[in-house]
């Protein structure tokens, strides 16, 4: 496995963001077409219909904790620490984001969403832990 393998989970996360943007556009378009919303509502995100609100919130969530994920992956690559454990944790994080987003845009039940978030959060802690250990070893 090469160091560049760390970039594939990052790319997978970016694909998720693209999917969410497409879904947001689709749901907003459907809401306007059905008369449940006016285009002007989306200018300032006022009174967004629930089905598109869930997607908008999920999309917003992809720019919170995942920012630390992308930084960790790049730091691991730059320092030469993007080994098999790092790549596995990165895939775990990316996969958890897909699960979290799926739950967010469908049922949005926190009961199910929270465990997906926790898995990703722990994977992220693991990535940063690997980086810290690598740096402490002075390698």
N, C-alpha and C. Protein backbone atom coordinates (compact mmCIF):
# COMPACT_ATOMS: atom_id res chain seq x y z
N UNK A 1 0.85 -1.18 0.00
CA UNK A 1 0.00 0.00 0.00
C UNK A 1 0.90 1.24 0.00
N UNK A 2 0.58 2.18 -0.86
CA UNK A 2 1.38 3.39 -0.92
C UNK A 2 0.77 4.48 -0.04
N UNK A 3 1.58 5.48 0.25
CA UNK A 3 1.13 6.61 1.06
C UNK A 3 -0.09 7.30 0.44
N UNK A 4 -0.17 7.31 -0.88
CA UNK A 4 -1.27 8.03 -1.54
C UNK A 4 -2.63 7.38 -1.31
N UNK A 5 -2.65 6.17 -0.78
CA UNK A 5 -3.93 5.51 -0.49
C UNK A 5 -4.77 6.32 0.49
N UNK A 6 -4.14 7.18 1.27
CA UNK A 6 -4.87 8.00 2.25
C UNK A 6 -5.80 9.00 1.56
N UNK A 7 -5.53 9.27 0.28
CA UNK A 7 -6.36 10.24 -0.43
C UNK A 7 -7.70 9.66 -0.91
N UNK A 8 -7.79 8.35 -1.07
CA UNK A 8 -9.05 7.77 -1.53
C UNK A 8 -10.23 7.96 -0.57
N UNK A 9 -10.05 7.79 0.74
CA UNK A 9 -11.17 8.11 1.63
C UNK A 9 -11.54 9.60 1.60
N UNK A 10 -10.54 10.44 1.37
CA UNK A 10 -10.83 11.88 1.25
C UNK A 10 -11.67 12.14 0.00
N UNK A 11 -11.29 11.49 -1.10
CA UNK A 11 -12.06 11.63 -2.34
C UNK A 11 -13.48 11.10 -2.14
N UNK A 12 -13.60 9.99 -1.43
CA UNK A 12 -14.93 9.42 -1.16
C UNK A 12 -15.78 10.42 -0.38
N UNK A 13 -15.18 11.14 0.55
CA UNK A 13 -15.92 12.13 1.31
C UNK A 13 -16.36 13.28 0.41
N UNK A 14 -15.50 13.71 -0.48
CA UNK A 14 -15.86 14.77 -1.42
C UNK A 14 -17.02 14.32 -2.32
N UNK A 15 -17.01 13.06 -2.74
CA UNK A 15 -18.12 12.52 -3.53
C UNK A 15 -19.42 12.61 -2.73
N UNK A 16 -19.36 12.31 -1.45
CA UNK A 16 -20.54 12.43 -0.59
C UNK A 16 -21.06 13.87 -0.60
N UNK A 17 -20.19 14.83 -0.52
CA UNK A 17 -20.60 16.24 -0.54
C UNK A 17 -21.29 16.58 -1.86
N UNK A 18 -20.75 16.10 -2.96
CA UNK A 18 -21.36 16.34 -4.27
C UNK A 18 -22.76 15.73 -4.32
N UNK A 19 -22.89 14.51 -3.81
CA UNK A 19 -24.19 13.84 -3.77
C UNK A 19 -25.18 14.66 -2.94
N UNK A 20 -24.74 15.15 -1.80
CA UNK A 20 -25.64 15.93 -0.94
C UNK A 20 -26.06 17.23 -1.61
N UNK A 21 -25.14 17.91 -2.32
CA UNK A 21 -25.52 19.12 -3.05
C UNK A 21 -26.57 18.80 -4.10
N UNK A 22 -26.40 17.70 -4.83
CA UNK A 22 -27.37 17.30 -5.85
C UNK A 22 -28.72 16.99 -5.20
N UNK A 23 -28.70 16.29 -4.08
CA UNK A 23 -29.94 15.95 -3.38
C UNK A 23 -30.63 17.21 -2.86
N UNK A 24 -29.85 18.15 -2.35
CA UNK A 24 -30.43 19.41 -1.87
C UNK A 24 -31.13 20.14 -3.01
N UNK A 25 -30.47 20.23 -4.15
CA UNK A 25 -31.09 20.88 -5.31
C UNK A 25 -32.37 20.18 -5.74
N UNK A 26 -32.33 18.86 -5.75
CA UNK A 26 -33.51 18.08 -6.14
C UNK A 26 -34.67 18.30 -5.17
N UNK A 27 -34.38 18.25 -3.88
CA UNK A 27 -35.46 18.41 -2.89
C UNK A 27 -36.00 19.84 -2.87
N UNK A 28 -35.12 20.81 -3.03
CA UNK A 28 -35.60 22.19 -3.08
C UNK A 28 -36.45 22.41 -4.33
N UNK A 29 -35.99 21.88 -5.45
CA UNK A 29 -36.77 22.00 -6.69
C UNK A 29 -38.14 21.37 -6.56
N UNK A 30 -38.19 20.21 -5.93
CA UNK A 30 -39.47 19.52 -5.73
C UNK A 30 -40.38 20.32 -4.81
N UNK A 31 -39.81 20.96 -3.80
CA UNK A 31 -40.61 21.76 -2.87
C UNK A 31 -41.19 22.98 -3.58
N UNK A 32 -40.42 23.61 -4.44
CA UNK A 32 -40.91 24.77 -5.20
C UNK A 32 -42.00 24.33 -6.17
N UNK A 33 -41.75 23.24 -6.87
CA UNK A 33 -42.71 22.73 -7.85
C UNK A 33 -44.03 22.34 -7.19
N UNK A 34 -43.95 21.79 -5.98
CA UNK A 34 -45.16 21.36 -5.26
C UNK A 34 -45.85 22.52 -4.55
N UNK A 35 -45.24 23.71 -4.59
CA UNK A 35 -45.84 24.87 -3.94
C UNK A 35 -45.60 24.94 -2.44
N UNK A 36 -44.71 24.11 -1.92
CA UNK A 36 -44.40 24.13 -0.49
C UNK A 36 -43.34 25.16 -0.13
N UNK A 37 -42.72 25.75 -1.16
CA UNK A 37 -41.68 26.74 -0.92
C UNK A 37 -41.59 27.67 -2.13
N UNK A 38 -41.00 28.83 -1.88
CA UNK A 38 -40.70 29.78 -2.96
C UNK A 38 -39.19 29.89 -3.05
N UNK A 39 -38.70 30.14 -4.23
CA UNK A 39 -37.25 30.23 -4.43
C UNK A 39 -36.63 31.27 -3.51
N UNK A 40 -37.36 32.36 -3.26
CA UNK A 40 -36.82 33.43 -2.41
C UNK A 40 -36.53 32.95 -0.98
N UNK A 41 -37.19 31.90 -0.54
CA UNK A 41 -36.94 31.37 0.81
C UNK A 41 -35.51 30.85 0.96
N UNK A 42 -34.92 30.40 -0.14
CA UNK A 42 -33.61 29.76 -0.07
C UNK A 42 -32.48 30.79 -0.10
N UNK A 43 -32.81 32.03 -0.45
CA UNK A 43 -31.79 33.08 -0.48
C UNK A 43 -31.17 33.25 0.90
N UNK A 44 -31.99 33.24 1.94
CA UNK A 44 -31.50 33.39 3.31
C UNK A 44 -31.83 32.16 4.16
N UNK A 45 -32.19 31.08 3.48
CA UNK A 45 -32.54 29.83 4.15
C UNK A 45 -33.63 30.01 5.21
N UNK A 46 -34.66 30.72 4.83
CA UNK A 46 -35.78 30.93 5.72
C UNK A 46 -36.88 29.92 5.44
N UNK A 47 -37.43 29.38 6.48
CA UNK A 47 -38.57 28.47 6.38
C UNK A 47 -38.36 27.36 5.36
N UNK A 48 -37.23 26.72 5.44
CA UNK A 48 -36.92 25.63 4.51
C UNK A 48 -37.81 24.43 4.82
N UNK A 49 -38.38 23.80 3.80
CA UNK A 49 -39.18 22.59 4.03
C UNK A 49 -38.33 21.52 4.71
N UNK A 50 -38.96 20.71 5.53
CA UNK A 50 -38.25 19.73 6.36
C UNK A 50 -37.36 18.80 5.54
N UNK A 51 -37.88 18.29 4.41
CA UNK A 51 -37.09 17.31 3.65
C UNK A 51 -35.81 17.92 3.09
N UNK A 52 -35.84 19.19 2.66
CA UNK A 52 -34.60 19.81 2.19
C UNK A 52 -33.78 20.36 3.36
N UNK A 53 -34.43 20.69 4.46
CA UNK A 53 -33.71 21.15 5.66
C UNK A 53 -32.78 20.06 6.18
N UNK A 54 -33.27 18.81 6.18
CA UNK A 54 -32.43 17.70 6.63
C UNK A 54 -31.17 17.60 5.78
N UNK A 55 -31.32 17.78 4.47
CA UNK A 55 -30.17 17.69 3.57
C UNK A 55 -29.24 18.88 3.79
N UNK A 56 -29.83 20.07 3.93
CA UNK A 56 -29.00 21.25 4.17
C UNK A 56 -28.19 21.10 5.46
N UNK A 57 -28.82 20.59 6.50
CA UNK A 57 -28.11 20.38 7.76
C UNK A 57 -27.02 19.32 7.63
N UNK A 58 -27.31 18.27 6.88
CA UNK A 58 -26.31 17.22 6.66
C UNK A 58 -25.14 17.78 5.87
N UNK A 59 -25.43 18.58 4.87
CA UNK A 59 -24.37 19.19 4.07
C UNK A 59 -23.52 20.11 4.92
N UNK A 60 -24.15 20.91 5.75
CA UNK A 60 -23.42 21.79 6.65
C UNK A 60 -22.52 20.99 7.58
N UNK A 61 -23.02 19.85 8.02
CA UNK A 61 -22.26 18.99 8.92
C UNK A 61 -21.00 18.44 8.26
N UNK A 62 -20.97 18.37 6.94
CA UNK A 62 -19.81 17.85 6.22
C UNK A 62 -18.64 18.84 6.22
N UNK A 63 -18.88 20.03 6.73
CA UNK A 63 -17.83 21.04 6.79
C UNK A 63 -17.48 21.40 8.24
N UNK A 64 -17.81 20.51 9.14
CA UNK A 64 -17.47 20.70 10.55
C UNK A 64 -16.38 19.70 10.93
N UNK A 65 -16.74 18.59 11.52
CA UNK A 65 -15.76 17.56 11.92
C UNK A 65 -14.91 17.08 10.74
N UNK A 66 -15.47 16.91 9.55
CA UNK A 66 -14.64 16.44 8.44
C UNK A 66 -13.47 17.35 8.06
N UNK A 67 -13.52 18.60 8.42
CA UNK A 67 -12.38 19.48 8.15
C UNK A 67 -11.15 18.93 8.87
N UNK A 68 -11.33 18.49 10.11
CA UNK A 68 -10.22 17.90 10.87
C UNK A 68 -9.76 16.59 10.24
N UNK A 69 -10.67 15.87 9.62
CA UNK A 69 -10.33 14.63 8.92
C UNK A 69 -9.38 14.91 7.76
N UNK A 70 -9.75 15.88 6.93
CA UNK A 70 -8.92 16.19 5.77
C UNK A 70 -7.54 16.71 6.19
N UNK A 71 -7.51 17.53 7.21
CA UNK A 71 -6.23 18.04 7.71
C UNK A 71 -5.38 16.90 8.24
N UNK A 72 -5.98 15.99 8.99
CA UNK A 72 -5.23 14.85 9.54
C UNK A 72 -4.66 13.99 8.42
N UNK A 73 -5.47 13.71 7.41
CA UNK A 73 -5.00 12.88 6.29
C UNK A 73 -3.82 13.54 5.57
N UNK A 74 -3.93 14.82 5.32
CA UNK A 74 -2.84 15.52 4.64
C UNK A 74 -1.59 15.53 5.52
N UNK A 75 -1.76 15.78 6.82
CA UNK A 75 -0.63 15.78 7.74
C UNK A 75 0.03 14.40 7.80
N UNK A 76 -0.77 13.35 7.82
CA UNK A 76 -0.23 11.99 7.83
C UNK A 76 0.56 11.72 6.56
N UNK A 77 0.04 12.17 5.44
CA UNK A 77 0.74 11.97 4.17
C UNK A 77 2.06 12.74 4.15
N UNK A 78 2.00 14.00 4.53
CA UNK A 78 3.18 14.86 4.47
C UNK A 78 4.30 14.34 5.38
N UNK A 79 3.93 13.80 6.52
CA UNK A 79 4.94 13.31 7.46
C UNK A 79 5.35 11.86 7.20
N UNK A 80 4.74 11.25 6.20
CA UNK A 80 5.08 9.86 5.88
C UNK A 80 4.45 8.85 6.80
N UNK A 81 3.38 9.23 7.47
CA UNK A 81 2.72 8.34 8.44
C UNK A 81 1.40 7.77 7.93
N UNK A 82 1.17 7.86 6.63
CA UNK A 82 -0.10 7.38 6.06
C UNK A 82 0.01 5.89 5.73
N UNK A 83 0.22 5.09 6.77
CA UNK A 83 0.34 3.65 6.61
C UNK A 83 -1.00 2.95 6.64
N UNK A 84 -0.99 1.62 6.71
CA UNK A 84 -2.23 0.84 6.68
C UNK A 84 -3.24 1.19 7.78
N UNK A 85 -2.75 1.45 8.99
CA UNK A 85 -3.68 1.81 10.07
C UNK A 85 -4.35 3.15 9.79
N UNK A 86 -3.58 4.10 9.31
CA UNK A 86 -4.14 5.41 8.99
C UNK A 86 -5.18 5.30 7.88
N UNK A 87 -4.86 4.53 6.86
CA UNK A 87 -5.78 4.37 5.74
C UNK A 87 -7.06 3.67 6.21
N UNK A 88 -6.92 2.66 7.04
CA UNK A 88 -8.10 1.95 7.57
C UNK A 88 -8.97 2.89 8.39
N UNK A 89 -8.35 3.69 9.24
CA UNK A 89 -9.13 4.65 10.04
C UNK A 89 -9.77 5.71 9.15
N UNK A 90 -9.08 6.13 8.11
CA UNK A 90 -9.64 7.12 7.19
C UNK A 90 -10.87 6.55 6.48
N UNK A 91 -10.78 5.29 6.05
CA UNK A 91 -11.94 4.65 5.42
C UNK A 91 -13.09 4.49 6.42
N UNK A 92 -12.76 4.17 7.65
CA UNK A 92 -13.80 4.06 8.68
C UNK A 92 -14.50 5.40 8.85
N UNK A 93 -13.72 6.47 8.90
CA UNK A 93 -14.31 7.80 9.03
C UNK A 93 -15.21 8.10 7.84
N UNK A 94 -14.69 7.91 6.62
CA UNK A 94 -15.47 8.24 5.42
C UNK A 94 -16.75 7.41 5.36
N UNK A 95 -16.65 6.13 5.68
CA UNK A 95 -17.82 5.26 5.67
C UNK A 95 -18.84 5.71 6.71
N UNK A 96 -18.35 6.11 7.87
CA UNK A 96 -19.28 6.58 8.92
C UNK A 96 -20.00 7.85 8.48
N UNK A 97 -19.34 8.70 7.68
CA UNK A 97 -19.97 9.92 7.19
C UNK A 97 -21.10 9.59 6.21
N UNK A 98 -20.90 8.55 5.39
CA UNK A 98 -21.97 8.12 4.50
C UNK A 98 -23.17 7.63 5.30
N UNK A 99 -22.90 6.81 6.32
CA UNK A 99 -23.99 6.33 7.16
C UNK A 99 -24.69 7.46 7.88
N UNK A 100 -23.92 8.36 8.44
CA UNK A 100 -24.46 9.51 9.16
C UNK A 100 -25.32 10.36 8.22
N UNK A 101 -24.81 10.63 7.03
CA UNK A 101 -25.56 11.45 6.07
C UNK A 101 -26.83 10.74 5.62
N UNK A 102 -26.76 9.44 5.37
CA UNK A 102 -27.94 8.71 4.95
C UNK A 102 -29.05 8.81 6.00
N UNK A 103 -28.68 8.61 7.24
CA UNK A 103 -29.66 8.71 8.32
C UNK A 103 -30.18 10.14 8.41
N UNK A 104 -29.28 11.11 8.27
CA UNK A 104 -29.63 12.52 8.38
C UNK A 104 -30.68 12.92 7.34
N UNK A 105 -30.54 12.44 6.10
CA UNK A 105 -31.45 12.87 5.02
C UNK A 105 -32.67 11.99 4.87
N UNK A 106 -32.74 10.92 5.65
CA UNK A 106 -33.93 10.07 5.60
C UNK A 106 -34.74 10.23 6.88
N UNK A 107 -34.57 9.36 7.83
CA UNK A 107 -35.36 9.41 9.06
C UNK A 107 -34.91 10.53 9.99
N UNK A 108 -33.63 10.89 9.93
CA UNK A 108 -33.01 11.89 10.81
C UNK A 108 -33.19 11.57 12.29
N UNK A 109 -33.23 10.29 12.59
CA UNK A 109 -33.39 9.87 13.98
C UNK A 109 -32.04 9.89 14.67
N UNK A 110 -31.93 10.71 15.69
CA UNK A 110 -30.67 10.86 16.42
C UNK A 110 -30.26 9.54 17.04
N UNK A 111 -31.23 8.74 17.40
CA UNK A 111 -30.96 7.42 17.98
C UNK A 111 -30.03 6.60 17.07
N UNK A 112 -30.19 6.75 15.76
CA UNK A 112 -29.36 6.02 14.80
C UNK A 112 -28.19 6.86 14.29
N UNK A 113 -28.40 8.15 14.22
CA UNK A 113 -27.37 9.04 13.70
C UNK A 113 -26.19 9.17 14.66
N UNK A 114 -26.48 9.21 15.95
CA UNK A 114 -25.42 9.40 16.95
C UNK A 114 -24.36 8.30 16.92
N UNK A 115 -24.74 7.02 16.84
CA UNK A 115 -23.68 6.00 16.78
C UNK A 115 -22.78 6.15 15.54
N UNK A 116 -23.36 6.53 14.41
CA UNK A 116 -22.54 6.75 13.20
C UNK A 116 -21.58 7.90 13.43
N UNK A 117 -22.05 8.94 14.09
CA UNK A 117 -21.19 10.08 14.40
C UNK A 117 -20.06 9.65 15.33
N UNK A 118 -20.39 8.88 16.35
CA UNK A 118 -19.38 8.46 17.34
C UNK A 118 -18.30 7.60 16.68
N UNK A 119 -18.69 6.70 15.78
CA UNK A 119 -17.70 5.88 15.07
C UNK A 119 -16.73 6.77 14.31
N UNK A 120 -17.26 7.75 13.59
CA UNK A 120 -16.41 8.67 12.85
C UNK A 120 -15.53 9.51 13.76
N UNK A 121 -16.10 9.95 14.86
CA UNK A 121 -15.35 10.76 15.82
C UNK A 121 -14.18 9.97 16.39
N UNK A 122 -14.43 8.70 16.75
CA UNK A 122 -13.37 7.86 17.29
C UNK A 122 -12.30 7.57 16.23
N UNK A 123 -12.72 7.36 14.99
CA UNK A 123 -11.75 7.15 13.91
C UNK A 123 -10.89 8.39 13.74
N UNK A 124 -11.50 9.57 13.84
CA UNK A 124 -10.75 10.81 13.72
C UNK A 124 -9.75 10.97 14.86
N UNK A 125 -10.16 10.65 16.06
CA UNK A 125 -9.23 10.69 17.20
C UNK A 125 -8.07 9.73 16.93
N UNK A 126 -8.38 8.57 16.37
CA UNK A 126 -7.35 7.60 16.04
C UNK A 126 -6.36 8.15 15.02
N UNK A 127 -6.86 8.84 14.00
CA UNK A 127 -5.98 9.44 13.00
C UNK A 127 -5.03 10.45 13.63
N UNK A 128 -5.58 11.31 14.46
CA UNK A 128 -4.74 12.32 15.12
C UNK A 128 -3.78 11.66 16.11
N UNK A 129 -4.23 10.57 16.75
CA UNK A 129 -3.35 9.83 17.65
C UNK A 129 -2.18 9.22 16.90
N UNK A 130 -2.45 8.63 15.74
CA UNK A 130 -1.38 8.08 14.91
C UNK A 130 -0.37 9.15 14.52
N UNK A 131 -0.87 10.31 14.16
CA UNK A 131 0.01 11.41 13.79
C UNK A 131 0.87 11.83 14.98
N UNK A 132 0.25 11.96 16.14
CA UNK A 132 1.00 12.37 17.34
C UNK A 132 2.08 11.35 17.69
N UNK A 133 1.74 10.07 17.64
CA UNK A 133 2.73 9.04 17.95
C UNK A 133 3.87 9.09 16.93
N UNK A 134 3.53 9.23 15.68
CA UNK A 134 4.54 9.34 14.63
C UNK A 134 5.48 10.50 14.88
N UNK A 135 4.92 11.65 15.24
CA UNK A 135 5.75 12.83 15.50
C UNK A 135 6.59 12.68 16.76
N UNK A 136 6.01 12.03 17.79
CA UNK A 136 6.78 11.82 19.02
C UNK A 136 7.96 10.89 18.81
N UNK A 137 7.80 9.96 17.90
CA UNK A 137 8.89 9.03 17.60
C UNK A 137 9.98 9.73 16.80
N UNK A 138 9.65 10.90 16.25
CA UNK A 138 10.64 11.66 15.50
C UNK A 138 10.99 11.04 14.16
N UNK A 139 10.07 10.27 13.63
CA UNK A 139 10.31 9.58 12.35
C UNK A 139 9.98 10.50 11.20
